C-alpha cells in the first residue's frame, strides 16, 4: 500500500500546483481586465469568457482536493455513535452510491459537452466543448478520489488492526 500512498501524495502535489497556477491565471486575467477598462479605457473582450472557463475548470477539477481534505460537508453524528465496523461499512456503501452517481453524471456531462460544445465562443473563437468538458473530466477526477478513499475504507474493514480513523 505504500506505493499507492506515494502515488497519491505525488498526485495531490501536482493537483495543488495546478490549482495554484489556475487561480493565479484567473487573478491575472481579472486584474488585466480591470486595468485595461479603468486605466487604459478599453475592454479585453475575451477576458470574461476565459475567466468563466477557468473558473469552471477550477470548480470541477479541484473539488476532489476539497473532498480529500475533508472540506466537503458530511454528517458525522451517526458515525460517532455506532461501532467502527458498521461505520466503515456504511461509509463504503455510501461511497459506492456516490461512485455510481458520478459515473452517470460523467456520461451525461460527456453527452452534453458533445452536443452543446459545437457552439463557438464569440470572443475567443473556441468551441464551447472545452468549457463543457470540464464537468466530465472534473467528475472523473472526483471519482478517482472516491475510489481511492473507498479502497482505503475497504482495507480498514478487512484489516481491523490498520491504524486510521473512519474517513469521510
Protein backbone atom coordinates (compact mmCIF):
# COMPACT_ATOMS: atom_id res chain seq x y z
CA UNK A 1 0.00 0.00 0.00
CA UNK A 2 2.94 2.36 0.39
CA UNK A 3 3.37 2.62 -3.40
CA UNK A 4 -0.28 3.60 -3.76
CA UNK A 5 0.15 6.14 -0.97
CA UNK A 6 3.25 7.63 -2.66
CA UNK A 7 1.42 7.88 -5.99
CA UNK A 8 -1.50 9.55 -4.23
CA UNK A 9 0.78 12.07 -2.49
CA UNK A 10 2.53 12.89 -5.77
CA UNK A 11 -0.83 13.31 -7.48
CA UNK A 12 -2.06 15.65 -4.74
CA UNK A 13 1.11 17.78 -5.05
CA UNK A 14 0.60 18.05 -8.83
CA UNK A 15 -3.07 18.95 -8.40
CA UNK A 16 -2.31 21.61 -5.77
CA UNK A 17 0.32 23.10 -8.10
CA UNK A 18 -2.18 23.13 -10.97
CA UNK A 19 -4.81 24.73 -8.70
CA UNK A 20 -2.39 27.47 -7.69
CA UNK A 21 -1.47 28.08 -11.32
CA UNK A 22 -5.14 28.21 -12.39
CA UNK A 23 -6.04 30.64 -9.60
CA UNK A 24 -3.05 32.83 -10.46
CA UNK A 25 -4.10 32.85 -14.13
CA UNK A 26 -7.67 33.75 -13.17
CA UNK A 27 -6.44 36.57 -10.96
CA UNK A 28 -4.04 37.88 -13.63
CA UNK A 29 -6.78 37.93 -16.26
CA UNK A 30 -9.15 39.74 -13.89
CA UNK A 31 -6.53 42.33 -12.89
CA UNK A 32 -5.61 42.89 -16.55
CA UNK A 33 -9.28 43.40 -17.43
CA UNK A 34 -9.81 45.93 -14.64
CA UNK A 35 -6.58 47.75 -15.53
CA UNK A 36 -7.43 47.93 -19.22
CA UNK A 37 -11.02 49.01 -18.60
CA UNK A 38 -10.45 51.69 -15.96
CA UNK A 39 -6.90 52.89 -16.65
CA UNK A 40 -6.46 52.45 -20.39
CA UNK A 41 -10.11 52.96 -21.33
CA UNK A 42 -10.79 49.79 -23.31
CA UNK A 43 -12.01 46.28 -22.53
CA UNK A 44 -10.39 42.95 -23.16
CA UNK A 45 -13.34 41.30 -24.89
CA UNK A 46 -12.02 37.80 -24.31
CA UNK A 47 -11.31 38.07 -20.58
CA UNK A 48 -14.81 37.26 -19.30
CA UNK A 49 -15.16 34.15 -21.45
CA UNK A 50 -11.72 32.90 -20.47
CA UNK A 51 -12.29 33.67 -16.79
CA UNK A 52 -15.60 31.80 -16.81
CA UNK A 53 -13.96 28.78 -18.44
CA UNK A 54 -11.06 28.75 -15.99
CA UNK A 55 -13.47 29.11 -13.06
CA UNK A 56 -15.47 26.09 -14.23
CA UNK A 57 -12.30 24.03 -14.65
CA UNK A 58 -11.16 25.06 -11.16
CA UNK A 59 -14.53 24.12 -9.66
CA UNK A 60 -14.81 20.69 -11.21
CA UNK A 61 -11.18 19.67 -11.43
CA UNK A 62 -10.20 20.56 -7.88
CA UNK A 63 -13.35 19.54 -5.97
CA UNK A 64 -11.59 16.25 -5.32
CA UNK A 65 -8.90 18.08 -3.36
CA UNK A 66 -11.55 19.57 -1.10
CA UNK A 67 -13.03 16.11 -0.61
CA UNK A 68 -9.61 14.67 0.10
CA UNK A 69 -9.02 17.26 2.85
CA UNK A 70 -12.45 16.58 4.36
CA UNK A 71 -13.80 20.01 3.43
CA UNK A 72 -16.99 18.75 1.86
CA UNK A 73 -19.96 18.62 4.20
CA UNK A 74 -20.57 15.28 5.88
CA UNK A 75 -22.97 14.05 8.51
CA UNK A 76 -20.72 12.61 11.18
CA UNK A 77 -23.16 12.27 14.09
CA UNK A 78 -24.14 8.70 13.19
CA UNK A 79 -20.54 7.68 12.66
CA UNK A 80 -19.66 8.71 16.21
CA UNK A 81 -22.35 6.62 17.94
CA UNK A 82 -22.21 3.30 16.02
CA UNK A 83 -19.50 0.63 16.12
CA UNK A 84 -16.43 1.25 13.96
CA UNK A 85 -17.00 -1.71 11.58
CA UNK A 86 -20.60 -0.68 10.97
CA UNK A 87 -19.49 2.92 10.36
CA UNK A 88 -16.89 1.72 7.85
CA UNK A 89 -19.46 -0.48 6.13
CA UNK A 90 -21.94 2.39 5.85
CA UNK A 91 -19.20 4.69 4.60
CA UNK A 92 -18.19 2.15 1.95
CA UNK A 93 -21.83 1.70 0.91
CA UNK A 94 -22.26 5.47 0.65
CA UNK A 95 -19.07 5.80 -1.39
CA UNK A 96 -20.28 3.10 -3.79
CA UNK A 97 -23.56 5.00 -4.25
CA UNK A 98 -21.63 8.21 -4.94
CA UNK A 99 -19.37 6.39 -7.42
CA UNK A 100 -22.43 5.11 -9.32
CA UNK A 101 -23.90 8.62 -9.35
CA UNK A 102 -20.60 10.08 -10.57
CA UNK A 103 -20.42 7.55 -13.43
CA UNK A 104 -23.93 8.54 -14.52
CA UNK A 105 -23.08 12.25 -14.28
CA UNK A 106 -19.87 11.74 -16.26
CA UNK A 107 -21.82 10.06 -19.05
CA UNK A 108 -24.45 12.83 -19.07
CA UNK A 109 -21.76 15.53 -18.93
CA UNK A 110 -19.89 13.99 -21.85
CA UNK A 111 -23.10 13.85 -23.90
CA UNK A 112 -23.82 17.49 -23.09
CA UNK A 113 -20.26 18.51 -23.97
CA UNK A 114 -20.52 16.78 -27.34
CA UNK A 115 -23.92 18.30 -28.17
CA UNK A 116 -23.59 21.81 -26.69
CA UNK A 117 -19.88 22.06 -27.33
CA UNK A 118 -20.32 22.72 -31.03
CA UNK A 119 -21.08 26.37 -30.34
CA UNK A 120 -18.24 28.85 -30.77
CA UNK A 121 -17.43 31.36 -28.03
CA UNK A 122 -17.64 34.73 -29.80
CA UNK A 123 -14.64 36.48 -28.24
CA UNK A 124 -12.20 33.56 -28.05
CA UNK A 125 -13.33 31.79 -31.25
CA UNK A 126 -13.02 28.44 -29.45
CA UNK A 127 -15.64 25.73 -29.21
CA UNK A 128 -17.70 25.65 -26.01
CA UNK A 129 -16.76 21.98 -25.82
CA UNK A 130 -13.54 22.91 -23.99
CA UNK A 131 -15.56 24.57 -21.24
CA UNK A 132 -18.32 21.95 -21.09
CA UNK A 133 -15.89 19.04 -20.95
CA UNK A 134 -14.68 20.35 -17.58
CA UNK A 135 -17.71 18.65 -16.00
CA UNK A 136 -16.99 15.04 -17.04
CA UNK A 137 -13.23 15.47 -16.60
CA UNK A 138 -13.61 17.03 -13.15
CA UNK A 139 -16.13 14.41 -12.09
CA UNK A 140 -13.72 11.73 -13.33
CA UNK A 141 -11.06 13.15 -11.03
CA UNK A 142 -13.61 13.28 -8.21
CA UNK A 143 -14.45 9.65 -8.97
CA UNK A 144 -10.77 8.74 -8.58
CA UNK A 145 -10.75 10.39 -5.14
CA UNK A 146 -13.83 8.44 -4.08
CA UNK A 147 -12.38 5.20 -5.45
CA UNK A 148 -9.11 5.68 -3.55
CA UNK A 149 -10.98 6.55 -0.37
CA UNK A 150 -13.21 3.50 -0.86
CA UNK A 151 -10.16 1.26 -1.23
CA UNK A 152 -8.76 2.72 1.97
CA UNK A 153 -12.09 2.14 3.76
CA UNK A 154 -12.24 -1.43 2.46
CA UNK A 155 -8.70 -2.04 3.72
CA UNK A 156 -9.73 -0.75 7.15
CA UNK A 157 -12.65 -3.20 7.13
CA UNK A 158 -10.50 -6.14 6.02
CA UNK A 159 -7.54 -5.31 8.28
CA UNK A 160 -9.07 -4.00 11.53
CA UNK A 161 -5.62 -3.55 13.08
CA UNK A 162 -4.79 -0.95 10.47
CA UNK A 163 -4.48 2.49 12.03
CA UNK A 164 -6.63 5.38 10.99
CA UNK A 165 -9.95 6.93 11.77
CA UNK A 166 -13.15 6.25 9.95
CA UNK A 167 -12.60 8.54 7.00
CA UNK A 168 -15.36 10.56 5.45
